[in-house]
Amino acid sequence: MACIKVDLDSKKDYLLEKFAKRLQMLCTVYNFESLHINESRHGYHIRLECAEKLKDYEILSMQLFLLSDYRREFFNLRRIKAGSRLWNVLFRNTEM
């Protein structure tokens, strides 16, 4: 199982609508088991559980495709390239 973590840095409705449309597209290719949305200070933290085992680059690509904060994903890319196994950091343990 893989966890896709998305950081939307806006509370504007159009951004959630774009996220939903893109998620619909991904659902034609991948099987997701759950979706959790928590409000953050600046927007939303979204967590998707995918039934399939995914490679790091697939998770990172999905997060970018789903409009996650590009700065966060850039740092995740650097962590992946450096060989870090714990690269996909977003939520505190108290969230979700």
PDB file of N, CA and C in Angstrom:
ATOM      1  N   MET A   1       0.841  -1.177   0.000  1.00  0.00           N
ATOM      2  CA  MET A   1       0.000   0.000   0.000  1.00  0.00           C
ATOM      3  C   MET A   1       0.884   1.238   0.000  1.00  0.00           C
ATOM      4  N   ALA A   2       0.444   2.266  -0.689  1.00  0.00           N
ATOM      5  CA  ALA A   2       1.201   3.517  -0.790  1.00  0.00           C
ATOM      6  C   ALA A   2       0.341   4.675  -0.313  1.00  0.00           C
ATOM      7  N   CYS A   3       0.999   5.681   0.229  1.00  0.00           N
ATOM      8  CA  CYS A   3       0.307   6.866   0.726  1.00  0.00           C
ATOM      9  C   CYS A   3       0.697   8.071  -0.123  1.00  0.00           C
ATOM     10  N   ILE A   4      -0.306   8.703  -0.706  1.00  0.00           N
ATOM     11  CA  ILE A   4      -0.098   9.916  -1.492  1.00  0.00           C
ATOM     12  C   ILE A   4      -0.538  11.083  -0.607  1.00  0.00           C
ATOM     13  N   LYS A   5       0.384  12.016  -0.372  1.00  0.00           N
ATOM     14  CA  LYS A   5       0.107  13.153   0.500  1.00  0.00           C
ATOM     15  C   LYS A   5       0.136  14.430  -0.325  1.00  0.00           C
ATOM     16  N   VAL A   6      -0.952  15.173  -0.256  1.00  0.00           N
ATOM     17  CA  VAL A   6      -1.087  16.381  -1.064  1.00  0.00           C
ATOM     18  C   VAL A   6      -1.255  17.578  -0.137  1.00  0.00           C
ATOM     19  N   ASP A   7      -0.492  18.626  -0.410  1.00  0.00           N
ATOM     20  CA  ASP A   7      -0.550  19.869   0.355  1.00  0.00           C
ATOM     21  C   ASP A   7      -1.103  20.953  -0.565  1.00  0.00           C
ATOM     22  N   LEU A   8      -2.389  21.259  -0.427  1.00  0.00           N
ATOM     23  CA  LEU A   8      -2.995  22.341  -1.207  1.00  0.00           C
ATOM     24  C   LEU A   8      -2.891  23.622  -0.391  1.00  0.00           C
ATOM     25  N   ASP A   9      -2.221  24.615  -0.951  1.00  0.00           N
ATOM     26  CA  ASP A   9      -1.961  25.851  -0.215  1.00  0.00           C
ATOM     27  C   ASP A   9      -2.966  26.945  -0.522  1.00  0.00           C
ATOM     28  N   SER A  10      -4.231  26.571  -0.632  1.00  0.00           N
ATOM     29  CA  SER A  10      -5.280  27.557  -0.845  1.00  0.00           C
ATOM     30  C   SER A  10      -6.608  26.955  -0.403  1.00  0.00           C
ATOM     31  N   LYS A  11      -7.493  27.799   0.073  1.00  0.00           N
ATOM     32  CA  LYS A  11      -8.826  27.336   0.463  1.00  0.00           C
ATOM     33  C   LYS A  11      -9.868  27.708  -0.585  1.00  0.00           C
ATOM     34  N   LYS A  12      -9.419  28.049  -1.769  1.00  0.00           N
ATOM     35  CA  LYS A  12     -10.340  28.436  -2.841  1.00  0.00           C
ATOM     36  C   LYS A  12     -11.029  27.198  -3.406  1.00  0.00           C
ATOM     37  N   ASP A  13     -12.331  27.313  -3.636  1.00  0.00           N
ATOM     38  CA  ASP A  13     -13.120  26.176  -4.124  1.00  0.00           C
ATOM     39  C   ASP A  13     -12.625  25.637  -5.461  1.00  0.00           C
ATOM     40  N   TYR A  14     -12.173  26.532  -6.349  1.00  0.00           N
ATOM     41  CA  TYR A  14     -11.757  26.066  -7.671  1.00  0.00           C
ATOM     42  C   TYR A  14     -10.576  25.097  -7.578  1.00  0.00           C
ATOM     43  N   LEU A  15      -9.725  25.264  -6.562  1.00  0.00           N
ATOM     44  CA  LEU A  15      -8.577  24.378  -6.409  1.00  0.00           C
ATOM     45  C   LEU A  15      -9.034  22.973  -6.000  1.00  0.00           C
ATOM     46  N   LEU A  16     -10.007  22.892  -5.092  1.00  0.00           N
ATOM     47  CA  LEU A  16     -10.546  21.587  -4.721  1.00  0.00           C
ATOM     48  C   LEU A  16     -11.252  20.931  -5.905  1.00  0.00           C
ATOM     49  N   GLU A  17     -11.911  21.727  -6.727  1.00  0.00           N
ATOM     50  CA  GLU A  17     -12.569  21.189  -7.926  1.00  0.00           C
ATOM     51  C   GLU A  17     -11.536  20.630  -8.898  1.00  0.00           C
ATOM     52  N   LYS A  18     -10.441  21.354  -9.102  1.00  0.00           N
ATOM     53  CA  LYS A  18      -9.371  20.854  -9.977  1.00  0.00           C
ATOM     54  C   LYS A  18      -8.770  19.577  -9.413  1.00  0.00           C
ATOM     55  N   PHE A  19      -8.558  19.545  -8.092  1.00  0.00           N
ATOM     56  CA  PHE A  19      -8.048  18.349  -7.443  1.00  0.00           C
ATOM     57  C   PHE A  19      -8.985  17.168  -7.711  1.00  0.00           C
ATOM     58  N   ALA A  20     -10.290  17.380  -7.528  1.00  0.00           N
ATOM     59  CA  ALA A  20     -11.276  16.305  -7.711  1.00  0.00           C
ATOM     60  C   ALA A  20     -11.267  15.782  -9.147  1.00  0.00           C
ATOM     61  N   LYS A  21     -11.166  16.667 -10.127  1.00  0.00           N
ATOM     62  CA  LYS A  21     -11.123  16.241 -11.530  1.00  0.00           C
ATOM     63  C   LYS A  21      -9.873  15.423 -11.820  1.00  0.00           C
ATOM     64  N   ARG A  22      -8.758  15.845 -11.272  1.00  0.00           N
ATOM     65  CA  ARG A  22      -7.508  15.113 -11.493  1.00  0.00           C
ATOM     66  C   ARG A  22      -7.531  13.768 -10.773  1.00  0.00           C
ATOM     67  N   LEU A  23      -8.123  13.745  -9.579  1.00  0.00           N
ATOM     68  CA  LEU A  23      -8.245  12.484  -8.857  1.00  0.00           C
ATOM     69  C   LEU A  23      -9.120  11.502  -9.635  1.00  0.00           C
ATOM     70  N   GLN A  24     -10.180  12.001 -10.236  1.00  0.00           N
ATOM     71  CA  GLN A  24     -11.033  11.151 -11.071  1.00  0.00           C
ATOM     72  C   GLN A  24     -10.228  10.496 -12.183  1.00  0.00           C
ATOM     73  N   MET A  25      -9.362  11.247 -12.797  1.00  0.00           N
ATOM     74  CA  MET A  25      -8.510  10.704 -13.852  1.00  0.00           C
ATOM     75  C   MET A  25      -7.611   9.600 -13.304  1.00  0.00           C
ATOM     76  N   LEU A  26      -6.991   9.847 -12.150  1.00  0.00           N
ATOM     77  CA  LEU A  26      -6.102   8.844 -11.562  1.00  0.00           C
ATOM     78  C   LEU A  26      -6.856   7.575 -11.183  1.00  0.00           C
ATOM     79  N   CYS A  27      -8.118   7.723 -10.806  1.00  0.00           N
ATOM     80  CA  CYS A  27      -8.926   6.560 -10.419  1.00  0.00           C
ATOM     81  C   CYS A  27      -9.190   5.619 -11.590  1.00  0.00           C
ATOM     82  N   THR A  28      -8.963   6.074 -12.802  1.00  0.00           N
ATOM     83  CA  THR A  28      -9.124   5.183 -13.955  1.00  0.00           C
ATOM     84  C   THR A  28      -7.902   4.284 -14.122  1.00  0.00           C
ATOM     85  N   VAL A  29      -6.816   4.606 -13.421  1.00  0.00           N
ATOM     86  CA  VAL A  29      -5.568   3.853 -13.538  1.00  0.00           C
ATOM     87  C   VAL A  29      -5.202   3.147 -12.227  1.00  0.00           C
ATOM     88  N   TYR A  30      -5.498   3.773 -11.092  1.00  0.00           N
ATOM     89  CA  TYR A  30      -5.102   3.249  -9.789  1.00  0.00           C
ATOM     90  C   TYR A  30      -6.338   2.990  -8.922  1.00  0.00           C
ATOM     91  N   ASN A  31      -6.184   2.097  -7.958  1.00  0.00           N
ATOM     92  CA  ASN A  31      -7.250   1.796  -6.994  1.00  0.00           C
ATOM     93  C   ASN A  31      -6.907   2.444  -5.660  1.00  0.00           C
ATOM     94  N   PHE A  32      -7.746   3.359  -5.234  1.00  0.00           N
ATOM     95  CA  PHE A  32      -7.553   4.032  -3.955  1.00  0.00           C
ATOM     96  C   PHE A  32      -8.520   3.461  -2.930  1.00  0.00           C
ATOM     97  N   GLU A  33      -8.024   3.261  -1.715  1.00  0.00           N
ATOM     98  CA  GLU A  33      -8.840   2.684  -0.649  1.00  0.00           C
ATOM     99  C   GLU A  33      -9.472   3.724   0.258  1.00  0.00           C
ATOM    100  N   SER A  34      -8.801   4.864   0.425  1.00  0.00           N
ATOM    101  CA  SER A  34      -9.362   5.885   1.312  1.00  0.00           C
ATOM    102  C   SER A  34      -8.855   7.263   0.928  1.00  0.00           C
ATOM    103  N   LEU A  35      -9.627   8.248   1.343  1.00  0.00           N
ATOM    104  CA  LEU A  35      -9.310   9.658   1.113  1.00  0.00           C
ATOM    105  C   LEU A  35      -9.613  10.406   2.407  1.00  0.00           C
ATOM    106  N   HIS A  36      -8.627  11.157   2.904  1.00  0.00           N
ATOM    107  CA  HIS A  36      -8.792  11.959   4.118  1.00  0.00           C
ATOM    108  C   HIS A  36      -8.408  13.399   3.793  1.00  0.00           C
ATOM    109  N   ILE A  37      -9.263  14.332   4.185  1.00  0.00           N
ATOM    110  CA  ILE A  37      -8.984  15.751   3.956  1.00  0.00           C
ATOM    111  C   ILE A  37      -9.060  16.476   5.295  1.00  0.00           C
ATOM    112  N   ASN A  38      -7.981  17.152   5.635  1.00  0.00           N
ATOM    113  CA  ASN A  38      -7.933  17.994   6.836  1.00  0.00           C
ATOM    114  C   ASN A  38      -7.616  19.419   6.423  1.00  0.00           C
ATOM    115  N   GLU A  39      -8.272  20.354   7.062  1.00  0.00           N
ATOM    116  CA  GLU A  39      -7.980  21.755   6.809  1.00  0.00           C
ATOM    117  C   GLU A  39      -6.680  22.124   7.516  1.00  0.00           C
ATOM    118  N   SER A  40      -5.836  22.851   6.793  1.00  0.00           N
ATOM    119  CA  SER A  40      -4.597  23.359   7.389  1.00  0.00           C
ATOM    120  C   SER A  40      -4.723  24.873   7.527  1.00  0.00           C
ATOM    121  N   ARG A  41      -3.678  25.515   8.001  1.00  0.00           N
ATOM    122  CA  ARG A  41      -3.721  26.971   8.149  1.00  0.00           C
ATOM    123  C   ARG A  41      -3.962  27.680   6.825  1.00  0.00           C
ATOM    124  N   HIS A  42      -3.326  27.172   5.766  1.00  0.00           N
ATOM    125  CA  HIS A  42      -3.378  27.869   4.481  1.00  0.00           C
ATOM    126  C   HIS A  42      -4.186  27.149   3.416  1.00  0.00           C
ATOM    127  N   GLY A  43      -4.711  25.978   3.720  1.00  0.00           N
ATOM    128  CA  GLY A  43      -5.425  25.223   2.702  1.00  0.00           C
ATOM    129  C   GLY A  43      -5.874  23.877   3.224  1.00  0.00           C
ATOM    130  N   TYR A  44      -5.376  22.808   2.585  1.00  0.00           N
ATOM    131  CA  TYR A  44      -5.797  21.463   2.957  1.00  0.00           C
ATOM    132  C   TYR A  44      -4.629  20.495   2.895  1.00  0.00           C
ATOM    133  N   HIS A  45      -4.646  19.526   3.793  1.00  0.00           N
ATOM    134  CA  HIS A  45      -3.759  18.375   3.732  1.00  0.00           C
ATOM    135  C   HIS A  45      -4.638  17.196   3.340  1.00  0.00           C
ATOM    136  N   ILE A  46      -4.257  16.528   2.274  1.00  0.00           N
ATOM    137  CA  ILE A  46      -5.052  15.424   1.746  1.00  0.00           C
ATOM    138  C   ILE A  46      -4.184  14.173   1.733  1.00  0.00           C
ATOM    139  N   ARG A  47      -4.767  13.078   2.181  1.00  0.00           N
ATOM    140  CA  ARG A  47      -4.048  11.806   2.180  1.00  0.00           C
ATOM    141  C   ARG A  47      -4.887  10.755   1.473  1.00  0.00           C
ATOM    142  N   LEU A  48      -4.280  10.131   0.479  1.00  0.00           N
ATOM    143  CA  LEU A  48      -4.920   9.048  -0.270  1.00  0.00           C
ATOM    144  C   LEU A  48      -4.154   7.760  -0.003  1.00  0.00           C
ATOM    145  N   GLU A  49      -4.868   6.706   0.278  1.00  0.00           N
ATOM    146  CA  GLU A  49      -4.246   5.394   0.423  1.00  0.00           C
ATOM    147  C   GLU A  49      -4.505   4.624  -0.862  1.00  0.00           C
ATOM    148  N   CYS A  50      -3.440   4.235  -1.518  1.00  0.00           N
ATOM    149  CA  CYS A  50      -3.525   3.481  -2.763  1.00  0.00           C
ATOM    150  C   CYS A  50      -3.339   2.007  -2.443  1.00  0.00           C
ATOM    151  N   ALA A  51      -4.177   1.161  -3.008  1.00  0.00           N
ATOM    152  CA  ALA A  51      -4.119  -0.275  -2.738  1.00  0.00           C
ATOM    153  C   ALA A  51      -2.851  -0.905  -3.300  1.00  0.00           C
ATOM    154  N   GLU A  52      -2.248  -0.264  -4.267  1.00  0.00           N
ATOM    155  CA  GLU A  52      -1.079  -0.823  -4.939  1.00  0.00           C
ATOM    156  C   GLU A  52       0.216  -0.339  -4.301  1.00  0.00           C
ATOM    157  N   LYS A  53       1.240  -1.140  -4.455  1.00  0.00           N
ATOM    158  CA  LYS A  53       2.585  -0.700  -4.052  1.00  0.00           C
ATOM    159  C   LYS A  53       3.122   0.171  -5.194  1.00  0.00           C
ATOM    160  N   LEU A  54       3.613   1.354  -4.854  1.00  0.00           N
ATOM    161  CA  LEU A  54       4.086   2.297  -5.865  1.00  0.00           C
ATOM    162  C   LEU A  54       5.544   2.637  -5.641  1.00  0.00           C
ATOM    163  N   LYS A  55       6.215   2.974  -6.695  1.00  0.00           N
ATOM    164  CA  LYS A  55       7.591   3.454  -6.603  1.00  0.00           C
ATOM    165  C   LYS A  55       7.562   4.917  -6.148  1.00  0.00           C
ATOM    166  N   ASP A  56       8.671   5.351  -5.558  1.00  0.00           N
ATOM    167  CA  ASP A  56       8.749   6.730  -5.066  1.00  0.00           C
ATOM    168  C   ASP A  56       8.423   7.744  -6.156  1.00  0.00           C
ATOM    169  N   TYR A  57       8.956   7.540  -7.365  1.00  0.00           N
ATOM    170  CA  TYR A  57       8.710   8.520  -8.422  1.00  0.00           C
ATOM    171  C   TYR A  57       7.237   8.539  -8.839  1.00  0.00           C
ATOM    172  N   GLU A  58       6.516   7.418  -8.700  1.00  0.00           N
ATOM    173  CA  GLU A  58       5.084   7.405  -9.008  1.00  0.00           C
ATOM    174  C   GLU A  58       4.310   8.227  -7.982  1.00  0.00           C
ATOM    175  N   ILE A  59       4.673   8.054  -6.714  1.00  0.00           N
ATOM    176  CA  ILE A  59       4.014   8.822  -5.650  1.00  0.00           C
ATOM    177  C   ILE A  59       4.274  10.310  -5.841  1.00  0.00           C
ATOM    178  N   LEU A  60       5.531  10.676  -6.067  1.00  0.00           N
ATOM    179  CA  LEU A  60       5.885  12.077  -6.272  1.00  0.00           C
ATOM    180  C   LEU A  60       5.150  12.654  -7.483  1.00  0.00           C
ATOM    181  N   SER A  61       5.088  11.903  -8.565  1.00  0.00           N
ATOM    182  CA  SER A  61       4.378  12.360  -9.764  1.00  0.00           C
ATOM    183  C   SER A  61       2.898  12.577  -9.486  1.00  0.00           C
ATOM    184  N   MET A  62       2.291  11.661  -8.756  1.00  0.00           N
ATOM    185  CA  MET A  62       0.868  11.806  -8.423  1.00  0.00           C
ATOM    186  C   MET A  62       0.631  13.040  -7.568  1.00  0.00           C
ATOM    187  N   GLN A  63       1.512  13.267  -6.595  1.00  0.00           N
ATOM    188  CA  GLN A  63       1.351  14.428  -5.727  1.00  0.00           C
ATOM    189  C   GLN A  63       1.425  15.720  -6.534  1.00  0.00           C
ATOM    190  N   LEU A  64       2.351  15.792  -7.457  1.00  0.00           N
ATOM    191  CA  LEU A  64       2.440  16.974  -8.321  1.00  0.00           C
ATOM    192  C   LEU A  64       1.205  17.092  -9.217  1.00  0.00           C
ATOM    193  N   PHE A  65       0.778  15.980  -9.794  1.00  0.00           N
ATOM    194  CA  PHE A  65      -0.396  15.962 -10.666  1.00  0.00           C
ATOM    195  C   PHE A  65      -1.643  16.436  -9.914  1.00  0.00           C
ATOM    196  N   LEU A  66      -1.709  16.107  -8.621  1.00  0.00           N
ATOM    197  CA  LEU A  66      -2.865  16.483  -7.803  1.00  0.00           C
ATOM    198  C   LEU A  66      -2.715  17.864  -7.176  1.00  0.00           C
ATOM    199  N   LEU A  67      -1.772  18.643  -7.691  1.00  0.00           N
ATOM    200  CA  LEU A  67      -1.609  20.064  -7.354  1.00  0.00           C
ATOM    201  C   LEU A  67      -0.976  20.323  -5.991  1.00  0.00           C
ATOM    202  N   SER A  68      -0.221  19.374  -5.484  1.00  0.00           N
ATOM    203  CA  SER A  68       0.483  19.592  -4.228  1.00  0.00           C
ATOM    204  C   SER A  68       1.502  20.718  -4.405  1.00  0.00           C
ATOM    205  N   ASP A  69       1.807  21.379  -3.333  1.00  0.00           N
ATOM    206  CA  ASP A  69       2.752  22.494  -3.326  1.00  0.00           C
ATOM    207  C   ASP A  69       4.060  22.095  -4.017  1.00  0.00           C
ATOM    208  N   TYR A  70       4.401  22.760  -5.102  1.00  0.00           N
ATOM    209  CA  TYR A  70       5.580  22.377  -5.896  1.00  0.00           C
ATOM    210  C   TYR A  70       6.887  22.532  -5.118  1.00  0.00           C
ATOM    211  N   ARG A  71       6.947  23.479  -4.171  1.00  0.00           N
ATOM    212  CA  ARG A  71       8.164  23.630  -3.374  1.00  0.00           C
ATOM    213  C   ARG A  71       8.379  22.405  -2.487  1.00  0.00           C
ATOM    214  N   ARG A  72       7.296  21.936  -1.880  1.00  0.00           N
ATOM    215  CA  ARG A  72       7.371  20.745  -1.039  1.00  0.00           C
ATOM    216  C   ARG A  72       7.831  19.555  -1.869  1.00  0.00           C
ATOM    217  N   GLU A  73       7.269  19.414  -3.056  1.00  0.00           N
ATOM    218  CA  GLU A  73       7.610  18.266  -3.899  1.00  0.00           C
ATOM    219  C   GLU A  73       9.043  18.372  -4.436  1.00  0.00           C
ATOM    220  N   PHE A  74       9.532  19.586  -4.623  1.00  0.00           N
ATOM    221  CA  PHE A  74      10.929  19.751  -5.023  1.00  0.00           C
ATOM    222  C   PHE A  74      11.857  19.231  -3.918  1.00  0.00           C
ATOM    223  N   PHE A  75      11.542  19.578  -2.666  1.00  0.00           N
ATOM    224  CA  PHE A  75      12.353  19.063  -1.557  1.00  0.00           C
ATOM    225  C   PHE A  75      12.224  17.551  -1.448  1.00  0.00           C
ATOM    226  N   ASN A  76      11.034  17.011  -1.725  1.00  0.00           N
ATOM    227  CA  ASN A  76      10.871  15.559  -1.737  1.00  0.00           C
ATOM    228  C   ASN A  76      11.743  14.922  -2.820  1.00  0.00           C
ATOM    229  N   LEU A  77      11.813  15.547  -3.985  1.00  0.00           N
ATOM    230  CA  LEU A  77      12.669  15.040  -5.056  1.00  0.00           C
ATOM    231  C   LEU A  77      14.123  15.004  -4.604  1.00  0.00           C
ATOM    232  N   ARG A  78      14.560  16.060  -3.951  1.00  0.00           N
ATOM    233  CA  ARG A  78      15.942  16.090  -3.450  1.00  0.00           C
ATOM    234  C   ARG A  78      16.184  14.991  -2.427  1.00  0.00           C
ATOM    235  N   ARG A  79      15.189  14.742  -1.572  1.00  0.00           N
ATOM    236  CA  ARG A  79      15.332  13.669  -0.580  1.00  0.00           C
ATOM    237  C   ARG A  79      15.416  12.298  -1.264  1.00  0.00           C
ATOM    238  N   ILE A  80      14.601  12.080  -2.285  1.00  0.00           N
ATOM    239  CA  ILE A  80      14.626  10.813  -3.026  1.00  0.00           C
ATOM    240  C   ILE A  80      15.992  10.627  -3.671  1.00  0.00           C
ATOM    241  N   LYS A  81      16.484  11.666  -4.347  1.00  0.00           N
ATOM    242  CA  LYS A  81      17.782  11.575  -5.023  1.00  0.00           C
ATOM    243  C   LYS A  81      18.924  11.336  -4.038  1.00  0.00           C
ATOM    244  N   ALA A  82      18.772  11.823  -2.811  1.00  0.00           N
ATOM    245  CA  ALA A  82      19.804  11.623  -1.791  1.00  0.00           C
ATOM    246  C   ALA A  82      19.703  10.232  -1.161  1.00  0.00           C
ATOM    247  N   GLY A  83      18.681   9.478  -1.524  1.00  0.00           N
ATOM    248  CA  GLY A  83      18.539   8.117  -1.013  1.00  0.00           C
ATOM    249  C   GLY A  83      17.776   7.991   0.289  1.00  0.00           C
ATOM    250  N   SER A  84      17.091   9.054   0.689  1.00  0.00           N
ATOM    251  CA  SER A  84      16.327   9.003   1.937  1.00  0.00           C
ATOM    252  C   SER A  84      15.130   8.075   1.787  1.00  0.00           C
ATOM    253  N   ARG A  85      14.934   7.232   2.779  1.00  0.00           N
ATOM    254  CA  ARG A  85      13.778   6.335   2.769  1.00  0.00           C
ATOM    255  C   ARG A  85      12.554   7.039   3.329  1.00  0.00           C
ATOM    256  N   LEU A  86      12.749   8.078   4.144  1.00  0.00           N
ATOM    257  CA  LEU A  86      11.650   8.834   4.737  1.00  0.00           C
ATOM    258  C   LEU A  86      11.569  10.202   4.071  1.00  0.00           C
ATOM    259  N   TRP A  87      11.157  10.219   2.826  1.00  0.00           N
ATOM    260  CA  TRP A  87      11.170  11.459   2.062  1.00  0.00           C
ATOM    261  C   TRP A  87       9.817  12.146   2.015  1.00  0.00           C
ATOM    262  N   ASN A  88       8.714  11.438   2.194  1.00  0.00           N
ATOM    263  CA  ASN A  88       7.378  11.991   1.966  1.00  0.00           C
ATOM    264  C   ASN A  88       6.767  12.488   3.274  1.00  0.00           C
ATOM    265  N   VAL A  89       7.324  13.569   3.808  1.00  0.00           N
ATOM    266  CA  VAL A  89       6.917  14.091   5.103  1.00  0.00           C
ATOM    267  C   VAL A  89       5.940  15.249   4.894  1.00  0.00           C
ATOM    268  N   LEU A  90       4.798  15.185   5.569  1.00  0.00           N
ATOM    269  CA  LEU A  90       3.848  16.298   5.490  1.00  0.00           C
ATOM    270  C   LEU A  90       3.049  16.428   6.774  1.00  0.00           C
ATOM    271  N   PHE A  91       2.467  15.363   7.254  1.00  0.00           N
ATOM    272  CA  PHE A  91       1.535  15.442   8.363  1.00  0.00           C
ATOM    273  C   PHE A  91       2.215  15.103   9.677  1.00  0.00           C
ATOM    274  N   ARG A  92       1.775  15.789  10.726  1.00  0.00           N
ATOM    275  CA  ARG A  92       2.199  15.398  12.064  1.00  0.00           C
ATOM    276  C   ARG A  92       1.452  14.127  12.455  1.00  0.00           C
ATOM    277  N   ASN A  93       1.945  13.411  13.415  1.00  0.00           N
ATOM    278  CA  ASN A  93       1.315  12.168  13.846  1.00  0.00           C
ATOM    279  C   ASN A  93      -0.110  12.385  14.352  1.00  0.00           C
ATOM    280  N   THR A  94      -0.424  13.574  14.819  1.00  0.00           N
ATOM    281  CA  THR A  94      -1.767  13.842  15.354  1.00  0.00           C
ATOM    282  C   THR A  94      -2.785  14.045  14.250  1.00  0.00           C
ATOM    283  N   GLU A  95      -2.334  14.285  13.037  1.00  0.00           N
ATOM    284  CA  GLU A  95      -3.251  14.478  11.912  1.00  0.00           C
ATOM    285  C   GLU A  95      -3.488  13.159  11.226  1.00  0.00           C
ATOM    286  N   MET A  96      -4.709  12.880  10.924  1.00  0.00           N
ATOM    287  CA  MET A  96      -5.115  11.699  10.169  1.00  0.00           C
ATOM    288  C   MET A  96      -4.596  10.457  10.785  1.00  0.00           C
TER     289      MET A  96
END
